[in-house]
Amino acid sequence: MPRQSISLTDPNAQWLRQKVETEGEYRSNSEAVNDLIRKAREIEALRAHLLQAEQSCHTSMSAEAILEEIKAEARRNGEL
């Protein structure tokens, strides 16, 4: 797995520290950042699908069904 070095603003560093150290929501900073990126990618894919459906003026799928399709595709691609 590639290693990255990132810089965070003070408010973001405090939020991350709170999620990892205080709340225990994540075991490490890396886990938290990877989860946030994964969620952002899901949102991006969902928006793209919804935009495509909106532009084509039709879809029979609900937003929930589209999201499940995106998650299944991400799992197949090893992104989740």
PDB file of N, CA and C in Angstrom:
ATOM      1  N   MET A   1       0.853  -1.164   0.000  1.00  0.00           N
ATOM      2  CA  MET A   1       0.000   0.000   0.000  1.00  0.00           C
ATOM      3  C   MET A   1       0.904   1.233   0.000  1.00  0.00           C
ATOM      4  N   PRO A   2       0.648   2.174  -0.896  1.00  0.00           N
ATOM      5  CA  PRO A   2       1.485   3.380  -0.948  1.00  0.00           C
ATOM      6  C   PRO A   2       1.318   4.222   0.316  1.00  0.00           C
ATOM      7  N   ARG A   3       2.400   4.819   0.754  1.00  0.00           N
ATOM      8  CA  ARG A   3       2.365   5.715   1.909  1.00  0.00           C
ATOM      9  C   ARG A   3       2.299   7.148   1.399  1.00  0.00           C
ATOM     10  N   GLN A   4       1.551   7.971   2.107  1.00  0.00           N
ATOM     11  CA  GLN A   4       1.403   9.374   1.749  1.00  0.00           C
ATOM     12  C   GLN A   4       1.666  10.232   2.978  1.00  0.00           C
ATOM     13  N   SER A   5       2.153  11.408   2.745  1.00  0.00           N
ATOM     14  CA  SER A   5       2.306  12.380   3.810  1.00  0.00           C
ATOM     15  C   SER A   5       1.393  13.548   3.473  1.00  0.00           C
ATOM     16  N   ILE A   6       0.525  13.926   4.402  1.00  0.00           N
ATOM     17  CA  ILE A   6      -0.394  15.025   4.145  1.00  0.00           C
ATOM     18  C   ILE A   6      -0.309  16.050   5.262  1.00  0.00           C
ATOM     19  N   SER A   7      -0.677  17.267   4.941  1.00  0.00           N
ATOM     20  CA  SER A   7      -0.766  18.331   5.933  1.00  0.00           C
ATOM     21  C   SER A   7      -2.230  18.680   6.123  1.00  0.00           C
ATOM     22  N   LEU A   8      -2.612  18.904   7.363  1.00  0.00           N
ATOM     23  CA  LEU A   8      -3.993  19.239   7.689  1.00  0.00           C
ATOM     24  C   LEU A   8      -4.047  20.607   8.339  1.00  0.00           C
ATOM     25  N   THR A   9      -5.150  21.298   8.110  1.00  0.00           N
ATOM     26  CA  THR A   9      -5.367  22.547   8.831  1.00  0.00           C
ATOM     27  C   THR A   9      -5.613  22.192  10.297  1.00  0.00           C
ATOM     28  N   ASP A  10      -5.449  23.158  11.182  1.00  0.00           N
ATOM     29  CA  ASP A  10      -5.659  22.893  12.606  1.00  0.00           C
ATOM     30  C   ASP A  10      -7.059  22.338  12.898  1.00  0.00           C
ATOM     31  N   PRO A  11      -8.132  22.941  12.344  1.00  0.00           N
ATOM     32  CA  PRO A  11      -9.469  22.382  12.635  1.00  0.00           C
ATOM     33  C   PRO A  11      -9.623  20.936  12.139  1.00  0.00           C
ATOM     34  N   ASN A  12      -9.059  20.625  10.980  1.00  0.00           N
ATOM     35  CA  ASN A  12      -9.155  19.256  10.466  1.00  0.00           C
ATOM     36  C   ASN A  12      -8.326  18.295  11.302  1.00  0.00           C
ATOM     37  N   ALA A  13      -7.162  18.721  11.737  1.00  0.00           N
ATOM     38  CA  ALA A  13      -6.316  17.877  12.585  1.00  0.00           C
ATOM     39  C   ALA A  13      -7.005  17.613  13.914  1.00  0.00           C
ATOM     40  N   GLN A  14      -7.651  18.621  14.479  1.00  0.00           N
ATOM     41  CA  GLN A  14      -8.377  18.445  15.736  1.00  0.00           C
ATOM     42  C   GLN A  14      -9.548  17.480  15.556  1.00  0.00           C
ATOM     43  N   TRP A  15     -10.278  17.616  14.453  1.00  0.00           N
ATOM     44  CA  TRP A  15     -11.410  16.732  14.179  1.00  0.00           C
ATOM     45  C   TRP A  15     -10.923  15.295  14.055  1.00  0.00           C
ATOM     46  N   LEU A  16      -9.845  15.101  13.304  1.00  0.00           N
ATOM     47  CA  LEU A  16      -9.289  13.761  13.102  1.00  0.00           C
ATOM     48  C   LEU A  16      -8.823  13.164  14.429  1.00  0.00           C
ATOM     49  N   ARG A  17      -8.138  13.947  15.218  1.00  0.00           N
ATOM     50  CA  ARG A  17      -7.657  13.493  16.527  1.00  0.00           C
ATOM     51  C   ARG A  17      -8.840  13.080  17.407  1.00  0.00           C
ATOM     52  N   GLN A  18      -9.904  13.875  17.360  1.00  0.00           N
ATOM     53  CA  GLN A  18     -11.093  13.559  18.159  1.00  0.00           C
ATOM     54  C   GLN A  18     -11.703  12.232  17.716  1.00  0.00           C
ATOM     55  N   LYS A  19     -11.809  12.000  16.410  1.00  0.00           N
ATOM     56  CA  LYS A  19     -12.399  10.760  15.893  1.00  0.00           C
ATOM     57  C   LYS A  19     -11.556   9.538  16.236  1.00  0.00           C
ATOM     58  N   VAL A  20     -10.238   9.707  16.246  1.00  0.00           N
ATOM     59  CA  VAL A  20      -9.353   8.564  16.487  1.00  0.00           C
ATOM     60  C   VAL A  20      -9.091   8.370  17.986  1.00  0.00           C
ATOM     61  N   GLU A  21      -8.654   9.416  18.661  1.00  0.00           N
ATOM     62  CA  GLU A  21      -8.205   9.271  20.043  1.00  0.00           C
ATOM     63  C   GLU A  21      -9.327   9.373  21.069  1.00  0.00           C
ATOM     64  N   THR A  22     -10.209  10.341  20.889  1.00  0.00           N
ATOM     65  CA  THR A  22     -11.236  10.591  21.896  1.00  0.00           C
ATOM     66  C   THR A  22     -12.447   9.685  21.712  1.00  0.00           C
ATOM     67  N   GLU A  23     -13.009   9.688  20.516  1.00  0.00           N
ATOM     68  CA  GLU A  23     -14.227   8.929  20.271  1.00  0.00           C
ATOM     69  C   GLU A  23     -13.949   7.466  19.934  1.00  0.00           C
ATOM     70  N   GLY A  24     -12.755   7.181  19.442  1.00  0.00           N
ATOM     71  CA  GLY A  24     -12.422   5.808  19.079  1.00  0.00           C
ATOM     72  C   GLY A  24     -13.185   5.286  17.872  1.00  0.00           C
ATOM     73  N   GLU A  25     -13.707   6.203  17.062  1.00  0.00           N
ATOM     74  CA  GLU A  25     -14.456   5.790  15.871  1.00  0.00           C
ATOM     75  C   GLU A  25     -13.551   5.071  14.873  1.00  0.00           C
ATOM     76  N   TYR A  26     -12.295   5.459  14.852  1.00  0.00           N
ATOM     77  CA  TYR A  26     -11.304   4.844  13.969  1.00  0.00           C
ATOM     78  C   TYR A  26     -10.109   4.416  14.810  1.00  0.00           C
ATOM     79  N   ARG A  27      -9.385   3.401  14.339  1.00  0.00           N
ATOM     80  CA  ARG A  27      -8.217   2.913  15.060  1.00  0.00           C
ATOM     81  C   ARG A  27      -6.967   3.725  14.755  1.00  0.00           C
ATOM     82  N   SER A  28      -6.959   4.408  13.581  1.00  0.00           N
ATOM     83  CA  SER A  28      -5.778   5.183  13.206  1.00  0.00           C
ATOM     84  C   SER A  28      -6.187   6.326  12.290  1.00  0.00           C
ATOM     85  N   ASN A  29      -5.271   7.278  12.129  1.00  0.00           N
ATOM     86  CA  ASN A  29      -5.509   8.374  11.198  1.00  0.00           C
ATOM     87  C   ASN A  29      -5.690   7.831   9.785  1.00  0.00           C
ATOM     88  N   SER A  30      -4.896   6.837   9.418  1.00  0.00           N
ATOM     89  CA  SER A  30      -4.983   6.257   8.076  1.00  0.00           C
ATOM     90  C   SER A  30      -6.349   5.651   7.823  1.00  0.00           C
ATOM     91  N   GLU A  31      -6.876   4.934   8.809  1.00  0.00           N
ATOM     92  CA  GLU A  31      -8.196   4.329   8.655  1.00  0.00           C
ATOM     93  C   GLU A  31      -9.259   5.400   8.443  1.00  0.00           C
ATOM     94  N   ALA A  32      -9.177   6.482   9.213  1.00  0.00           N
ATOM     95  CA  ALA A  32     -10.149   7.564   9.099  1.00  0.00           C
ATOM     96  C   ALA A  32     -10.066   8.238   7.727  1.00  0.00           C
ATOM     97  N   VAL A  33      -8.862   8.551   7.289  1.00  0.00           N
ATOM     98  CA  VAL A  33      -8.689   9.225   5.998  1.00  0.00           C
ATOM     99  C   VAL A  33      -9.154   8.317   4.861  1.00  0.00           C
ATOM    100  N   ASN A  34      -8.805   7.035   4.905  1.00  0.00           N
ATOM    101  CA  ASN A  34      -9.246   6.115   3.863  1.00  0.00           C
ATOM    102  C   ASN A  34     -10.764   5.995   3.831  1.00  0.00           C
ATOM    103  N   ASP A  35     -11.408   5.968   5.001  1.00  0.00           N
ATOM    104  CA  ASP A  35     -12.866   5.900   5.054  1.00  0.00           C
ATOM    105  C   ASP A  35     -13.490   7.155   4.460  1.00  0.00           C
ATOM    106  N   LEU A  36     -12.934   8.311   4.785  1.00  0.00           N
ATOM    107  CA  LEU A  36     -13.460   9.567   4.236  1.00  0.00           C
ATOM    108  C   LEU A  36     -13.302   9.618   2.717  1.00  0.00           C
ATOM    109  N   ILE A  37     -12.178   9.161   2.217  1.00  0.00           N
ATOM    110  CA  ILE A  37     -11.959   9.134   0.765  1.00  0.00           C
ATOM    111  C   ILE A  37     -12.943   8.166   0.109  1.00  0.00           C
ATOM    112  N   ARG A  38     -13.123   6.990   0.709  1.00  0.00           N
ATOM    113  CA  ARG A  38     -14.062   6.001   0.187  1.00  0.00           C
ATOM    114  C   ARG A  38     -15.467   6.589   0.108  1.00  0.00           C
ATOM    115  N   LYS A  39     -15.889   7.269   1.162  1.00  0.00           N
ATOM    116  CA  LYS A  39     -17.217   7.889   1.182  1.00  0.00           C
ATOM    117  C   LYS A  39     -17.327   8.987   0.132  1.00  0.00           C
ATOM    118  N   ALA A  40     -16.285   9.781  -0.029  1.00  0.00           N
ATOM    119  CA  ALA A  40     -16.300  10.840  -1.045  1.00  0.00           C
ATOM    120  C   ALA A  40     -16.407  10.249  -2.441  1.00  0.00           C
ATOM    121  N   ARG A  41     -15.711   9.126  -2.668  1.00  0.00           N
ATOM    122  CA  ARG A  41     -15.784   8.468  -3.980  1.00  0.00           C
ATOM    123  C   ARG A  41     -17.180   7.927  -4.246  1.00  0.00           C
ATOM    124  N   GLU A  42     -17.830   7.366  -3.211  1.00  0.00           N
ATOM    125  CA  GLU A  42     -19.202   6.885  -3.357  1.00  0.00           C
ATOM    126  C   GLU A  42     -20.142   8.034  -3.715  1.00  0.00           C
ATOM    127  N   ILE A  43     -19.984   9.146  -3.013  1.00  0.00           N
ATOM    128  CA  ILE A  43     -20.828  10.319  -3.276  1.00  0.00           C
ATOM    129  C   ILE A  43     -20.602  10.818  -4.697  1.00  0.00           C
ATOM    130  N   GLU A  44     -19.353  10.873  -5.110  1.00  0.00           N
ATOM    131  CA  GLU A  44     -19.019  11.325  -6.464  1.00  0.00           C
ATOM    132  C   GLU A  44     -19.661  10.414  -7.513  1.00  0.00           C
ATOM    133  N   ALA A  45     -19.574   9.110  -7.315  1.00  0.00           N
ATOM    134  CA  ALA A  45     -20.164   8.166  -8.265  1.00  0.00           C
ATOM    135  C   ALA A  45     -21.681   8.282  -8.271  1.00  0.00           C
ATOM    136  N   LEU A  46     -22.284   8.432  -7.099  1.00  0.00           N
ATOM    137  CA  LEU A  46     -23.733   8.581  -7.019  1.00  0.00           C
ATOM    138  C   LEU A  46     -24.186   9.842  -7.743  1.00  0.00           C
ATOM    139  N   ARG A  47     -23.487  10.931  -7.522  1.00  0.00           N
ATOM    140  CA  ARG A  47     -23.841  12.182  -8.207  1.00  0.00           C
ATOM    141  C   ARG A  47     -23.727  12.033  -9.720  1.00  0.00           C
ATOM    142  N   ALA A  48     -22.682  11.345 -10.183  1.00  0.00           N
ATOM    143  CA  ALA A  48     -22.504  11.144 -11.623  1.00  0.00           C
ATOM    144  C   ALA A  48     -23.653  10.323 -12.194  1.00  0.00           C
ATOM    145  N   HIS A  49     -24.057   9.258 -11.491  1.00  0.00           N
ATOM    146  CA  HIS A  49     -25.177   8.439 -11.962  1.00  0.00           C
ATOM    147  C   HIS A  49     -26.479   9.227 -11.966  1.00  0.00           C
ATOM    148  N   LEU A  50     -26.710   9.991 -10.913  1.00  0.00           N
ATOM    149  CA  LEU A  50     -27.933  10.789 -10.846  1.00  0.00           C
ATOM    150  C   LEU A  50     -27.955  11.862 -11.926  1.00  0.00           C
ATOM    151  N   LEU A  51     -26.803  12.490 -12.164  1.00  0.00           N
ATOM    152  CA  LEU A  51     -26.722  13.501 -13.215  1.00  0.00           C
ATOM    153  C   LEU A  51     -26.993  12.873 -14.574  1.00  0.00           C
ATOM    154  N   GLN A  52     -26.414  11.715 -14.826  1.00  0.00           N
ATOM    155  CA  GLN A  52     -26.636  11.017 -16.091  1.00  0.00           C
ATOM    156  C   GLN A  52     -28.118  10.675 -16.251  1.00  0.00           C
ATOM    157  N   ALA A  53     -28.742  10.190 -15.199  1.00  0.00           N
ATOM    158  CA  ALA A  53     -30.163   9.855 -15.259  1.00  0.00           C
ATOM    159  C   ALA A  53     -30.995  11.104 -15.480  1.00  0.00           C
ATOM    160  N   GLU A  54     -30.627  12.169 -14.803  1.00  0.00           N
ATOM    161  CA  GLU A  54     -31.365  13.424 -14.956  1.00  0.00           C
ATOM    162  C   GLU A  54     -31.250  13.956 -16.378  1.00  0.00           C
ATOM    163  N   GLN A  55     -30.074  13.875 -16.949  1.00  0.00           N
ATOM    164  CA  GLN A  55     -29.862  14.381 -18.300  1.00  0.00           C
ATOM    165  C   GLN A  55     -30.564  13.520 -19.349  1.00  0.00           C
ATOM    166  N   SER A  56     -30.730  12.239 -19.065  1.00  0.00           N
ATOM    167  CA  SER A  56     -31.420  11.375 -20.015  1.00  0.00           C
ATOM    168  C   SER A  56     -32.926  11.458 -19.819  1.00  0.00           C
ATOM    169  N   CYS A  57     -33.338  12.147 -18.767  1.00  0.00           N
ATOM    170  CA  CYS A  57     -34.748  12.409 -18.466  1.00  0.00           C
ATOM    171  C   CYS A  57     -35.529  11.162 -18.075  1.00  0.00           C
ATOM    172  N   HIS A  58     -34.856  10.086 -17.756  1.00  0.00           N
ATOM    173  CA  HIS A  58     -35.602   8.923 -17.268  1.00  0.00           C
ATOM    174  C   HIS A  58     -34.695   7.953 -16.522  1.00  0.00           C
ATOM    175  N   THR A  59     -35.260   7.350 -15.528  1.00  0.00           N
ATOM    176  CA  THR A  59     -34.637   6.240 -14.835  1.00  0.00           C
ATOM    177  C   THR A  59     -35.722   5.541 -14.042  1.00  0.00           C
ATOM    178  N   SER A  60     -35.640   4.267 -13.976  1.00  0.00           N
ATOM    179  CA  SER A  60     -36.614   3.513 -13.186  1.00  0.00           C
ATOM    180  C   SER A  60     -36.031   3.145 -11.835  1.00  0.00           C
ATOM    181  N   MET A  61     -34.777   3.528 -11.598  1.00  0.00           N
ATOM    182  CA  MET A  61     -34.115   3.182 -10.345  1.00  0.00           C
ATOM    183  C   MET A  61     -34.278   4.296  -9.319  1.00  0.00           C
ATOM    184  N   SER A  62     -34.454   3.880  -8.066  1.00  0.00           N
ATOM    185  CA  SER A  62     -34.492   4.856  -6.980  1.00  0.00           C
ATOM    186  C   SER A  62     -33.062   5.266  -6.640  1.00  0.00           C
ATOM    187  N   ALA A  63     -32.931   6.347  -5.899  1.00  0.00           N
ATOM    188  CA  ALA A  63     -31.600   6.784  -5.474  1.00  0.00           C
ATOM    189  C   ALA A  63     -30.937   5.691  -4.636  1.00  0.00           C
ATOM    190  N   GLU A  64     -31.725   5.000  -3.811  1.00  0.00           N
ATOM    191  CA  GLU A  64     -31.182   3.925  -2.984  1.00  0.00           C
ATOM    192  C   GLU A  64     -30.672   2.773  -3.848  1.00  0.00           C
ATOM    193  N   ALA A  65     -31.421   2.429  -4.895  1.00  0.00           N
ATOM    194  CA  ALA A  65     -31.003   1.344  -5.790  1.00  0.00           C
ATOM    195  C   ALA A  65     -29.727   1.718  -6.537  1.00  0.00           C
ATOM    196  N   ILE A  66     -29.652   2.980  -6.942  1.00  0.00           N
ATOM    197  CA  ILE A  66     -28.445   3.446  -7.635  1.00  0.00           C
ATOM    198  C   ILE A  66     -27.248   3.352  -6.693  1.00  0.00           C
ATOM    199  N   LEU A  67     -27.423   3.782  -5.438  1.00  0.00           N
ATOM    200  CA  LEU A  67     -26.338   3.728  -4.463  1.00  0.00           C
ATOM    201  C   LEU A  67     -25.890   2.284  -4.235  1.00  0.00           C
ATOM    202  N   GLU A  68     -26.829   1.364  -4.112  1.00  0.00           N
ATOM    203  CA  GLU A  68     -26.470  -0.046  -3.927  1.00  0.00           C
ATOM    204  C   GLU A  68     -25.710  -0.582  -5.128  1.00  0.00           C
ATOM    205  N   GLU A  69     -26.097  -0.173  -6.332  1.00  0.00           N
ATOM    206  CA  GLU A  69     -25.394  -0.593  -7.543  1.00  0.00           C
ATOM    207  C   GLU A  69     -23.956  -0.070  -7.537  1.00  0.00           C
ATOM    208  N   ILE A  70     -23.788   1.175  -7.127  1.00  0.00           N
ATOM    209  CA  ILE A  70     -22.464   1.784  -7.067  1.00  0.00           C
ATOM    210  C   ILE A  70     -21.599   1.060  -6.036  1.00  0.00           C
ATOM    211  N   LYS A  71     -22.172   0.759  -4.869  1.00  0.00           N
ATOM    212  CA  LYS A  71     -21.419   0.058  -3.830  1.00  0.00           C
ATOM    213  C   LYS A  71     -21.010  -1.335  -4.308  1.00  0.00           C
ATOM    214  N   ALA A  72     -21.914  -2.031  -4.988  1.00  0.00           N
ATOM    215  CA  ALA A  72     -21.597  -3.364  -5.498  1.00  0.00           C
ATOM    216  C   ALA A  72     -20.469  -3.291  -6.516  1.00  0.00           C
ATOM    217  N   GLU A  73     -20.520  -2.282  -7.381  1.00  0.00           N
ATOM    218  CA  GLU A  73     -19.461  -2.102  -8.374  1.00  0.00           C
ATOM    219  C   GLU A  73     -18.132  -1.785  -7.692  1.00  0.00           C
ATOM    220  N   ALA A  74     -18.167  -0.951  -6.668  1.00  0.00           N
ATOM    221  CA  ALA A  74     -16.954  -0.592  -5.931  1.00  0.00           C
ATOM    222  C   ALA A  74     -16.368  -1.833  -5.249  1.00  0.00           C
ATOM    223  N   ARG A  75     -17.232  -2.687  -4.682  1.00  0.00           N
ATOM    224  CA  ARG A  75     -16.755  -3.914  -4.045  1.00  0.00           C
ATOM    225  C   ARG A  75     -16.102  -4.830  -5.084  1.00  0.00           C
ATOM    226  N   ARG A  76     -16.691  -4.932  -6.257  1.00  0.00           N
ATOM    227  CA  ARG A  76     -16.116  -5.762  -7.329  1.00  0.00           C
ATOM    228  C   ARG A  76     -14.743  -5.234  -7.740  1.00  0.00           C
ATOM    229  N   ASN A  77     -14.583  -3.910  -7.691  1.00  0.00           N
ATOM    230  CA  ASN A  77     -13.325  -3.288  -8.096  1.00  0.00           C
ATOM    231  C   ASN A  77     -12.337  -3.185  -6.936  1.00  0.00           C
ATOM    232  N   GLY A  78     -12.701  -3.726  -5.782  1.00  0.00           N
ATOM    233  CA  GLY A  78     -11.817  -3.704  -4.621  1.00  0.00           C
ATOM    234  C   GLY A  78     -11.673  -2.340  -3.989  1.00  0.00           C
ATOM    235  N   GLU A  79     -12.641  -1.452  -4.217  1.00  0.00           N
ATOM    236  CA  GLU A  79     -12.572  -0.098  -3.657  1.00  0.00           C
ATOM    237  C   GLU A  79     -13.245  -0.003  -2.303  1.00  0.00           C
ATOM    238  N   LEU A  80     -14.019  -1.002  -1.918  1.00  0.00           N
ATOM    239  CA  LEU A  80     -14.673  -1.007  -0.602  1.00  0.00           C
ATOM    240  C   LEU A  80     -14.196  -2.182   0.195  1.00  0.00           C
TER     241      LEU A  80
END
